[in-house]
Protein backbone atom coordinates (compact mmCIF):
# COMPACT_ATOMS: atom_id res chain seq x y z
CA MET A 1 0.00 0.00 0.00
CA SER A 2 1.51 3.31 -1.03
CA TYR A 3 1.03 6.49 0.92
CA GLU A 4 -0.07 9.58 -0.93
CA PRO A 5 0.33 12.89 0.88
CA PRO A 6 -2.78 15.04 1.21
CA ILE A 7 -3.57 17.43 -1.63
CA HIS A 8 -4.24 21.11 -0.96
CA TRP A 9 -5.41 24.06 -3.08
CA ASN A 10 -1.92 25.08 -4.20
CA ASP A 11 -1.00 21.55 -5.40
CA TYR A 12 -2.09 22.48 -8.91
CA GLU A 13 -0.17 19.77 -10.75
CA ASP A 14 -1.39 17.02 -8.43
CA ILE A 15 -4.98 18.18 -8.84
CA ALA A 16 -4.57 18.39 -12.63
CA LEU A 17 -3.19 14.85 -12.73
CA LYS A 18 -6.15 13.54 -10.70
CA LEU A 19 -8.63 15.33 -12.98
CA HIS A 20 -6.91 13.95 -16.07
CA GLU A 21 -6.98 10.44 -14.55
CA ARG A 22 -10.69 10.84 -13.88
CA PHE A 23 -11.75 12.33 -17.22
CA GLY A 24 -8.96 11.27 -19.58
CA ASP A 25 -9.28 12.62 -23.08
CA ASP A 26 -13.00 13.38 -22.70
CA PHE A 27 -11.89 16.94 -22.03
CA THR A 28 -9.81 18.53 -24.74
CA GLU A 29 -7.98 21.80 -24.22
CA SER A 30 -10.92 23.90 -25.40
CA LYS A 31 -13.38 21.94 -23.25
CA ILE A 32 -11.18 22.34 -20.17
CA TYR A 33 -11.11 26.11 -20.64
CA ARG A 34 -14.92 26.18 -20.95
CA ILE A 35 -15.60 24.38 -17.65
CA ARG A 36 -17.52 26.54 -15.19
CA PHE A 37 -15.57 27.24 -12.03
CA THR A 38 -18.54 26.09 -9.95
CA GLU A 39 -18.30 22.68 -11.63
CA LEU A 40 -14.50 22.54 -11.39
CA LEU A 41 -14.72 23.37 -7.69
CA GLU A 42 -17.02 20.40 -7.07
CA TRP A 43 -14.73 18.03 -8.98
CA VAL A 44 -11.68 19.19 -7.00
CA LEU A 45 -13.51 18.69 -3.70
CA GLU A 46 -14.34 15.09 -4.77
CA ILE A 47 -10.67 14.11 -5.30
CA ASP A 48 -9.49 11.36 -2.93
CA GLY A 49 -6.96 12.81 -0.52
CA PHE A 50 -7.94 16.41 -1.18
CA GLU A 51 -7.96 18.26 2.14
CA GLY A 52 -8.71 21.80 1.04
CA LYS A 53 -11.94 23.43 2.12
CA ARG A 54 -14.55 24.98 -0.16
CA GLU A 55 -14.19 28.36 1.54
CA GLU A 56 -10.41 28.34 0.88
CA SER A 57 -10.92 28.22 -2.88
CA CYS A 58 -10.56 31.31 -5.01
CA GLU A 59 -10.65 32.20 -8.68
CA GLY A 60 -6.85 32.23 -8.80
CA HIS A 61 -6.62 28.64 -7.57
CA LEU A 62 -9.23 27.49 -10.07
CA GLU A 63 -7.48 29.28 -12.94
CA MET A 64 -4.18 27.62 -12.04
CA ILE A 65 -5.84 24.21 -11.77
CA GLN A 66 -7.47 24.74 -15.15
CA SER A 67 -4.22 25.70 -16.89
CA SER A 68 -2.31 22.87 -15.16
CA TRP A 69 -4.96 20.43 -16.40
CA VAL A 70 -4.47 21.73 -19.95
CA TYR A 71 -0.70 21.16 -19.67
CA GLU A 72 -1.34 17.65 -18.33
CA TRP A 73 -3.70 16.97 -21.26
CA ARG A 74 -1.14 18.29 -23.76
CA ASP A 75 1.63 16.13 -22.27
CA ASN A 76 -0.54 13.06 -22.67
CA GLN A 77 -1.22 13.85 -26.33
CA LYS A 78 2.50 13.47 -27.10
CA LYS A 79 2.66 9.87 -25.82
């Protein structure tokens, strides 16, 4: 059994990886950028090991998660 450290709001790359694992290529770059922040917030809060609180979220965090998810998606297109 491997231990995964808890994920917090500023762990953008970890969150992006989890979102990509969950949704795979269902979300292309343009679809990721069109996700409503209210929806993205809910998805982040559902991630196993995520310990951030809803009230700690802000638009800046969600923007960084969104762009990190796009980079994760792009990296996986090269494989």
